Amino acid sequence: MPLDLAQKAALVAELSEVASKALSAIGADFTGLSVAEMTELRRSARAAGVYMKVTPNTLASRALQGTNFVCMCEGLVGPLVLAFSQEDQGAAARVVSAFAKTHNKLVVKLVSISGKLLGPGDIDTLANLPTREEALSRLLAVMKAPIGRLVRTLAEPQARLVRTLAAIGDQKKTA
């Protein structure tokens, strides 16, 4: 059933709003996937906080104008499902990459992050980006390491003295 003008305008507005707030976007060809498989993909995307939509390419192109993902417009060819990461840069890439590993018919065509169009092979790089919590924990570990080394360095002379006195005491007991 074709969309009327009001529905098309609403779809473009919705997609444009999502794209303007998104951190990364993936475009994948879904030709050959069954309805059940697409439902499974959408369910996993919802669980990961990823907005996923199958949209006519002309409407998607209009919606992406004025966003960071305008670079994807040239690649909007054929049936594509668009996935936008809303909270985590790698979320859409992780969902699509994991689904593509078990379903050969889902083929990644477009990968974009921060207004830069990447090659389809770069989806694994994007999928392997740490989540916000992982990045913060790594940063904290890096910040904490020098302090820990300083504390160990300052405590070492006293610890060495205690070990030396304990060794002398053990020698006197055995002698």
Protein backbone atom coordinates (compact mmCIF):
# COMPACT_ATOMS: atom_id res chain seq x y z
CA MET A 1 0.00 0.00 0.00
CA PRO A 2 1.62 3.27 -1.11
CA LEU A 3 2.14 6.12 1.30
CA ASP A 4 0.25 9.36 0.84
CA LEU A 5 1.98 12.75 1.05
CA ALA A 6 1.24 13.27 4.77
CA GLN A 7 2.62 9.84 5.68
CA LYS A 8 5.75 10.47 3.61
CA ALA A 9 6.28 13.85 5.31
CA ALA A 10 5.84 12.25 8.74
CA LEU A 11 8.29 9.46 7.85
CA VAL A 12 10.90 11.95 6.60
CA ALA A 13 10.49 14.08 9.72
CA GLU A 14 10.81 11.07 12.03
CA LEU A 15 13.88 9.71 10.25
CA SER A 16 15.48 13.15 10.10
CA GLU A 17 15.00 13.65 13.85
CA VAL A 18 16.51 10.24 14.63
CA ALA A 19 19.44 10.81 12.25
CA SER A 20 20.20 14.23 13.73
CA LYS A 21 20.61 12.69 17.21
CA ALA A 22 22.32 9.44 16.12
CA LEU A 23 25.99 8.70 16.70
CA SER A 24 26.48 6.19 13.86
CA ALA A 25 24.47 4.61 11.07
CA ILE A 26 24.52 1.35 9.15
CA GLY A 27 22.78 0.57 5.86
CA ALA A 28 22.34 -3.11 4.99
CA ASP A 29 20.72 -4.95 2.09
CA PHE A 30 18.11 -7.32 3.47
CA THR A 31 17.08 -9.03 0.20
CA GLY A 32 16.20 -12.66 0.86
CA LEU A 33 15.50 -12.38 4.58
CA SER A 34 12.19 -13.78 5.75
CA VAL A 35 9.70 -11.82 7.82
CA ALA A 36 10.62 -13.88 10.88
CA GLU A 37 14.31 -13.09 10.39
CA MET A 38 13.58 -9.36 10.00
CA THR A 39 11.46 -9.48 13.15
CA GLU A 40 14.34 -11.13 14.99
CA LEU A 41 16.72 -8.41 13.73
CA ARG A 42 14.36 -5.64 14.81
CA ARG A 43 13.89 -7.25 18.23
CA SER A 44 17.64 -7.42 18.84
CA ALA A 45 18.00 -3.82 17.64
CA ARG A 46 15.31 -2.60 20.05
CA ALA A 47 17.01 -4.44 22.91
CA ALA A 48 20.31 -2.70 22.09
CA GLY A 49 18.78 0.78 21.82
CA VAL A 50 19.15 0.94 18.03
CA TYR A 51 16.56 2.62 15.80
CA MET A 52 15.95 0.48 12.72
CA LYS A 53 13.76 1.33 9.75
CA VAL A 54 13.15 0.17 6.18
CA THR A 55 12.48 3.35 4.23
CA PRO A 56 12.21 4.14 0.51
CA ASN A 57 15.59 5.47 -0.61
CA THR A 58 14.25 8.80 -1.90
CA LEU A 59 12.61 9.50 1.46
CA ALA A 60 15.71 8.38 3.34
CA SER A 61 17.84 10.66 1.18
CA ARG A 62 15.61 13.62 2.00
CA ALA A 63 15.64 12.76 5.69
CA LEU A 64 19.44 12.54 5.82
CA GLN A 65 19.92 16.02 4.32
CA GLY A 66 21.18 18.39 7.00
CA THR A 67 22.45 15.59 9.27
CA ASN A 68 25.88 14.04 9.78
CA PHE A 69 24.82 11.16 7.55
CA VAL A 70 24.32 13.10 4.32
CA CYS A 71 27.40 11.22 3.07
CA MET A 72 25.29 8.06 2.89
CA CYS A 73 22.86 9.47 0.30
CA GLU A 74 24.89 8.34 -2.72
CA GLY A 75 24.90 4.75 -1.46
CA LEU A 76 21.14 4.53 -0.94
CA VAL A 77 20.51 2.03 -3.73
CA GLY A 78 18.32 -1.05 -3.55
CA PRO A 79 16.38 -2.35 -0.58
CA LEU A 80 18.13 -1.17 2.57
CA VAL A 81 17.39 -1.29 6.26
CA LEU A 82 18.87 1.69 8.10
CA ALA A 83 20.08 1.27 11.67
CA PHE A 84 20.99 4.27 13.84
CA SER A 85 22.94 4.04 17.12
CA GLN A 86 21.36 6.42 19.57
CA GLU A 87 23.33 5.96 22.79
CA ASP A 88 26.45 3.97 21.91
CA GLN A 89 28.48 4.50 18.73
CA GLY A 90 29.01 0.81 18.11
CA ALA A 91 25.56 -0.50 19.04
CA ALA A 92 24.10 -0.61 15.51
CA ALA A 93 27.28 -2.13 14.15
CA ARG A 94 27.26 -4.83 16.85
CA VAL A 95 23.61 -5.72 16.16
CA VAL A 96 23.98 -5.84 12.37
CA SER A 97 27.37 -7.59 12.48
CA ALA A 98 26.16 -10.28 14.89
CA PHE A 99 23.02 -10.88 12.82
CA ALA A 100 24.99 -10.97 9.54
CA LYS A 101 27.27 -13.68 10.92
CA THR A 102 24.34 -16.07 11.28
CA HIS A 103 22.32 -14.83 8.26
CA ASN A 104 24.35 -14.59 5.05
CA LYS A 105 21.61 -12.71 3.21
CA LEU A 106 22.07 -9.53 5.28
CA VAL A 107 24.83 -7.62 3.49
CA VAL A 108 26.28 -4.41 4.91
CA LYS A 109 26.46 -1.67 2.28
CA LEU A 110 26.96 1.58 4.23
CA VAL A 111 28.78 2.41 7.45
CA SER A 112 28.94 5.98 8.74
CA ILE A 113 30.14 7.54 11.96
CA SER A 114 30.35 11.24 12.82
CA GLY A 115 29.71 12.36 9.24
CA LYS A 116 32.36 10.11 7.75
CA LEU A 117 31.48 7.32 5.33
CA LEU A 118 33.47 4.14 5.97
CA GLY A 119 33.74 0.99 3.89
CA PRO A 120 31.44 -1.97 4.57
CA GLY A 121 34.44 -3.90 5.92
CA ASP A 122 34.86 -1.34 8.69
CA ILE A 123 31.72 -2.55 10.45
CA ASP A 124 33.84 -4.88 12.60
CA THR A 125 36.04 -1.98 13.67
CA LEU A 126 32.97 0.01 14.64
CA ALA A 127 31.40 -3.01 16.36
CA ASN A 128 34.53 -3.50 18.47
CA LEU A 129 34.47 0.04 19.86
CA PRO A 130 34.09 -0.04 23.63
CA THR A 131 30.81 0.96 25.19
CA ARG A 132 30.73 4.10 27.32
CA GLU A 133 31.10 2.08 30.54
CA GLU A 134 34.04 0.11 29.14
CA ALA A 135 35.77 3.29 27.95
CA LEU A 136 35.28 4.94 31.35
CA SER A 137 36.64 1.89 33.18
CA ARG A 138 39.71 1.81 30.90
CA LEU A 139 40.27 5.52 31.50
CA LEU A 140 39.97 5.04 35.25
CA ALA A 141 42.46 2.16 35.15
CA VAL A 142 44.94 4.32 33.22
CA MET A 143 44.48 7.19 35.66
CA LYS A 144 44.76 4.92 38.70
CA ALA A 145 47.93 3.06 37.63
CA PRO A 146 50.48 5.86 38.31
CA ILE A 147 49.01 6.51 41.74
CA GLY A 148 49.24 2.82 42.61
CA ARG A 149 52.86 2.70 41.47
CA LEU A 150 53.67 5.78 43.54
CA VAL A 151 52.10 4.25 46.66
CA ARG A 152 54.01 0.99 46.14
CA THR A 153 57.27 2.93 45.59
CA LEU A 154 56.76 4.98 48.76
CA ALA A 155 55.87 1.89 50.80
CA GLU A 156 58.76 -0.25 49.50
CA PRO A 157 61.56 1.03 51.82
CA GLN A 158 59.47 0.29 54.92
CA ALA A 159 58.43 -3.09 53.55
CA ARG A 160 62.05 -3.93 52.74
CA LEU A 161 63.07 -2.97 56.31
CA VAL A 162 60.33 -5.19 57.77
CA ARG A 163 61.39 -8.13 55.56
CA THR A 164 65.04 -7.64 56.54
CA LEU A 165 64.21 -7.53 60.27
CA ALA A 166 62.03 -10.64 59.88
CA ALA A 167 64.88 -12.47 58.12
CA ILE A 168 67.33 -11.47 60.89
CA GLY A 169 64.84 -12.62 63.52
CA ASP A 170 64.43 -15.98 61.74
CA GLN A 171 68.22 -16.40 61.60
CA LYS A 172 68.56 -15.70 65.33
CA LYS A 173 65.83 -18.22 66.17
CA THR A 174 67.52 -20.96 64.16
CA ALA A 175 70.96 -20.16 65.55
